Amino acid sequence: MNLRNYTKLHSQAALAKLIDVAPSFVNQWVKSDRPIPIPTCVLIEQKTEGAVRRWDLRPDDWHLIWPELVGATDAPKVRKQKVAA
């Protein structure tokens, strides 16, 4: 489940309290105004009891940050990276 859908069910304020951050941070993450810090992704996954997974929070680079998750049950396929010219 992505963060937007999770916070529609549980509210941004509830998630902020759960992970001990300001609600404004959660709002910025939901709106994609600011990337979610890597350690926070792990915390969100833990505190939501796996409802929001790290690969949902960082869909473009999760496999580079957490290569041990590649091939895990329910893990998405790795997106091909665009090469800058």
N, C-alpha and C. Protein backbone atom coordinates (compact mmCIF):
# COMPACT_ATOMS: atom_id res chain seq x y z
N MET A 1 0.85 -1.17 0.00
CA MET A 1 0.00 0.00 0.00
C MET A 1 0.90 1.24 0.00
N ASN A 2 0.53 2.22 -0.79
CA ASN A 2 1.36 3.42 -0.79
C ASN A 2 0.98 4.33 0.39
N LEU A 3 1.80 5.31 0.61
CA LEU A 3 1.64 6.17 1.78
C LEU A 3 0.34 6.98 1.70
N ARG A 4 -0.01 7.43 0.52
CA ARG A 4 -1.24 8.21 0.35
C ARG A 4 -2.46 7.38 0.77
N ASN A 5 -2.53 6.15 0.30
CA ASN A 5 -3.66 5.29 0.66
C ASN A 5 -3.67 4.96 2.15
N TYR A 6 -2.50 4.72 2.71
CA TYR A 6 -2.42 4.43 4.15
C TYR A 6 -2.94 5.61 4.97
N THR A 7 -2.53 6.81 4.60
CA THR A 7 -2.94 7.98 5.38
C THR A 7 -4.41 8.35 5.13
N LYS A 8 -4.98 7.90 4.02
CA LYS A 8 -6.43 8.08 3.83
C LYS A 8 -7.20 7.22 4.83
N LEU A 9 -6.66 6.05 5.12
CA LEU A 9 -7.30 5.15 6.07
C LEU A 9 -7.03 5.52 7.53
N HIS A 10 -5.82 6.01 7.81
CA HIS A 10 -5.39 6.22 9.20
C HIS A 10 -5.05 7.66 9.54
N SER A 11 -5.00 8.54 8.61
CA SER A 11 -4.68 9.97 8.71
C SER A 11 -3.17 10.22 8.78
N GLN A 12 -2.81 11.36 8.25
CA GLN A 12 -1.40 11.77 8.28
C GLN A 12 -0.95 12.04 9.71
N ALA A 13 -1.82 12.62 10.50
CA ALA A 13 -1.48 12.91 11.90
C ALA A 13 -1.22 11.63 12.69
N ALA A 14 -2.01 10.60 12.42
CA ALA A 14 -1.83 9.32 13.13
C ALA A 14 -0.49 8.69 12.76
N LEU A 15 -0.13 8.74 11.49
CA LEU A 15 1.17 8.19 11.09
C LEU A 15 2.30 9.00 11.70
N ALA A 16 2.16 10.32 11.69
CA ALA A 16 3.19 11.18 12.27
C ALA A 16 3.42 10.82 13.75
N LYS A 17 2.35 10.62 14.47
CA LYS A 17 2.46 10.26 15.88
C LYS A 17 3.10 8.88 16.04
N LEU A 18 2.73 7.95 15.17
CA LEU A 18 3.24 6.59 15.23
C LEU A 18 4.76 6.55 15.06
N ILE A 19 5.28 7.40 14.17
CA ILE A 19 6.73 7.38 13.89
C ILE A 19 7.47 8.56 14.52
N ASP A 20 6.76 9.37 15.30
CA ASP A 20 7.34 10.47 16.06
C ASP A 20 8.01 11.52 15.17
N VAL A 21 7.24 12.01 14.19
CA VAL A 21 7.70 13.13 13.35
C VAL A 21 6.58 14.16 13.29
N ALA A 22 6.91 15.35 12.82
CA ALA A 22 5.90 16.39 12.65
C ALA A 22 4.94 16.00 11.52
N PRO A 23 3.66 16.27 11.69
CA PRO A 23 2.70 15.97 10.63
C PRO A 23 3.04 16.63 9.30
N SER A 24 3.71 17.77 9.36
CA SER A 24 4.08 18.45 8.11
C SER A 24 5.04 17.61 7.28
N PHE A 25 5.89 16.83 7.92
CA PHE A 25 6.78 15.94 7.16
C PHE A 25 5.97 14.89 6.42
N VAL A 26 5.03 14.28 7.10
CA VAL A 26 4.19 13.26 6.46
C VAL A 26 3.45 13.86 5.28
N ASN A 27 2.93 15.06 5.45
CA ASN A 27 2.23 15.72 4.36
C ASN A 27 3.15 15.95 3.16
N GLN A 28 4.38 16.35 3.40
CA GLN A 28 5.33 16.56 2.31
C GLN A 28 5.66 15.25 1.62
N TRP A 29 5.75 14.16 2.36
CA TRP A 29 6.02 12.85 1.75
C TRP A 29 4.84 12.39 0.92
N VAL A 30 3.64 12.57 1.44
CA VAL A 30 2.44 12.14 0.72
C VAL A 30 2.32 12.91 -0.60
N LYS A 31 2.64 14.19 -0.57
CA LYS A 31 2.55 15.02 -1.78
C LYS A 31 3.77 14.88 -2.68
N SER A 32 4.75 14.07 -2.26
CA SER A 32 6.01 13.89 -3.00
C SER A 32 6.80 15.18 -3.13
N ASP A 33 6.64 16.06 -2.16
CA ASP A 33 7.43 17.29 -2.13
C ASP A 33 8.82 17.06 -1.57
N ARG A 34 8.96 15.99 -0.80
CA ARG A 34 10.23 15.69 -0.14
C ARG A 34 10.37 14.16 -0.11
N PRO A 35 11.57 13.65 -0.42
CA PRO A 35 11.74 12.19 -0.33
C PRO A 35 11.73 11.73 1.12
N ILE A 36 11.28 10.52 1.32
CA ILE A 36 11.25 9.95 2.66
C ILE A 36 12.66 9.47 3.00
N PRO A 37 13.23 9.91 4.12
CA PRO A 37 14.57 9.47 4.49
C PRO A 37 14.63 7.94 4.60
N ILE A 38 15.73 7.38 4.19
CA ILE A 38 15.89 5.92 4.16
C ILE A 38 15.60 5.27 5.51
N PRO A 39 16.18 5.76 6.62
CA PRO A 39 15.86 5.11 7.90
C PRO A 39 14.38 5.20 8.26
N THR A 40 13.72 6.26 7.83
CA THR A 40 12.31 6.44 8.11
C THR A 40 11.47 5.42 7.35
N CYS A 41 11.91 5.03 6.17
CA CYS A 41 11.18 4.01 5.40
C CYS A 41 11.10 2.70 6.19
N VAL A 42 12.20 2.32 6.78
CA VAL A 42 12.22 1.10 7.59
C VAL A 42 11.28 1.25 8.78
N LEU A 43 11.32 2.40 9.43
CA LEU A 43 10.46 2.66 10.58
C LEU A 43 8.98 2.61 10.20
N ILE A 44 8.64 3.22 9.06
CA ILE A 44 7.25 3.22 8.60
C ILE A 44 6.80 1.78 8.33
N GLU A 45 7.65 1.00 7.69
CA GLU A 45 7.29 -0.39 7.42
C GLU A 45 7.05 -1.14 8.74
N GLN A 46 7.90 -0.92 9.71
CA GLN A 46 7.76 -1.60 11.00
C GLN A 46 6.51 -1.14 11.74
N LYS A 47 6.30 0.16 11.83
CA LYS A 47 5.20 0.71 12.63
C LYS A 47 3.83 0.46 11.98
N THR A 48 3.81 0.29 10.65
CA THR A 48 2.54 -0.02 9.99
C THR A 48 2.35 -1.53 9.86
N GLU A 49 3.23 -2.28 10.52
CA GLU A 49 3.19 -3.74 10.51
C GLU A 49 3.17 -4.30 9.09
N GLY A 50 3.96 -3.66 8.21
CA GLY A 50 4.11 -4.13 6.85
C GLY A 50 3.02 -3.69 5.89
N ALA A 51 2.08 -2.90 6.37
CA ALA A 51 1.03 -2.41 5.47
C ALA A 51 1.62 -1.51 4.39
N VAL A 52 2.62 -0.71 4.77
CA VAL A 52 3.36 0.12 3.82
C VAL A 52 4.77 -0.44 3.77
N ARG A 53 5.17 -0.87 2.60
CA ARG A 53 6.47 -1.51 2.46
C ARG A 53 7.50 -0.51 1.96
N ARG A 54 8.75 -0.81 2.22
CA ARG A 54 9.84 0.07 1.78
C ARG A 54 9.82 0.30 0.28
N TRP A 55 9.49 -0.75 -0.47
CA TRP A 55 9.48 -0.59 -1.93
C TRP A 55 8.33 0.29 -2.38
N ASP A 56 7.29 0.43 -1.56
CA ASP A 56 6.21 1.36 -1.88
C ASP A 56 6.64 2.80 -1.63
N LEU A 57 7.50 2.98 -0.66
CA LEU A 57 7.95 4.32 -0.29
C LEU A 57 9.06 4.84 -1.20
N ARG A 58 9.89 3.94 -1.71
CA ARG A 58 11.00 4.33 -2.59
C ARG A 58 10.99 3.43 -3.82
N PRO A 59 9.96 3.57 -4.69
CA PRO A 59 9.79 2.64 -5.81
C PRO A 59 10.91 2.67 -6.83
N ASP A 60 11.64 3.76 -6.92
CA ASP A 60 12.69 3.86 -7.93
C ASP A 60 14.05 3.34 -7.50
N ASP A 61 14.30 3.28 -6.19
CA ASP A 61 15.64 2.89 -5.75
C ASP A 61 15.68 1.89 -4.61
N TRP A 62 14.54 1.34 -4.24
CA TRP A 62 14.50 0.41 -3.10
C TRP A 62 15.48 -0.74 -3.27
N HIS A 63 15.61 -1.25 -4.49
CA HIS A 63 16.47 -2.41 -4.73
C HIS A 63 17.96 -2.07 -4.57
N LEU A 64 18.31 -0.80 -4.73
CA LEU A 64 19.70 -0.37 -4.52
C LEU A 64 20.00 -0.17 -3.04
N ILE A 65 19.01 0.29 -2.30
CA ILE A 65 19.18 0.55 -0.88
C ILE A 65 19.11 -0.74 -0.07
N TRP A 66 18.14 -1.58 -0.43
CA TRP A 66 17.90 -2.83 0.30
C TRP A 66 17.95 -4.02 -0.67
N PRO A 67 19.12 -4.35 -1.19
CA PRO A 67 19.20 -5.44 -2.18
C PRO A 67 18.74 -6.78 -1.64
N GLU A 68 18.75 -6.94 -0.33
CA GLU A 68 18.30 -8.20 0.27
C GLU A 68 16.79 -8.43 0.06
N LEU A 69 16.07 -7.39 -0.31
CA LEU A 69 14.63 -7.53 -0.55
C LEU A 69 14.29 -7.98 -1.97
N VAL A 70 15.26 -7.89 -2.87
CA VAL A 70 15.01 -8.32 -4.25
C VAL A 70 14.68 -9.81 -4.23
N GLY A 71 13.56 -10.15 -4.82
CA GLY A 71 13.14 -11.54 -4.84
C GLY A 71 12.33 -11.96 -3.63
N ALA A 72 12.12 -11.05 -2.69
CA ALA A 72 11.31 -11.38 -1.51
C ALA A 72 9.86 -11.58 -1.93
N THR A 73 9.13 -12.31 -1.12
CA THR A 73 7.72 -12.52 -1.39
C THR A 73 7.01 -11.17 -1.53
N ASP A 74 6.26 -11.01 -2.59
CA ASP A 74 5.50 -9.79 -2.89
C ASP A 74 6.35 -8.61 -3.36
N ALA A 75 7.66 -8.78 -3.46
CA ALA A 75 8.50 -7.68 -3.93
C ALA A 75 8.19 -7.40 -5.40
N PRO A 76 8.12 -6.13 -5.76
CA PRO A 76 7.88 -5.81 -7.16
C PRO A 76 9.11 -6.10 -8.00
N LYS A 77 8.89 -6.18 -9.29
CA LYS A 77 10.03 -6.34 -10.19
C LYS A 77 10.86 -5.07 -10.14
N VAL A 78 12.15 -5.23 -10.32
CA VAL A 78 13.06 -4.09 -10.30
C VAL A 78 12.86 -3.32 -11.59
N ARG A 79 12.66 -2.01 -11.44
CA ARG A 79 12.51 -1.14 -12.60
C ARG A 79 13.85 -0.92 -13.25
N LYS A 80 13.86 -0.89 -14.56
CA LYS A 80 15.12 -0.62 -15.27
C LYS A 80 15.46 0.84 -15.08
N GLN A 81 16.73 1.10 -14.84
CA GLN A 81 17.20 2.45 -14.60
C GLN A 81 17.52 3.13 -15.94
N LYS A 82 17.16 4.40 -16.03
CA LYS A 82 17.50 5.18 -17.21
C LYS A 82 18.96 5.61 -17.06
N VAL A 83 19.68 5.53 -18.15
CA VAL A 83 21.09 5.92 -18.14
C VAL A 83 21.20 7.33 -18.68
N ALA A 84 21.82 8.21 -17.90
CA ALA A 84 22.01 9.60 -18.34
C ALA A 84 23.07 9.66 -19.43
N ALA A 85 22.81 10.45 -20.44
CA ALA A 85 23.76 10.58 -21.55
C ALA A 85 24.82 11.61 -21.26
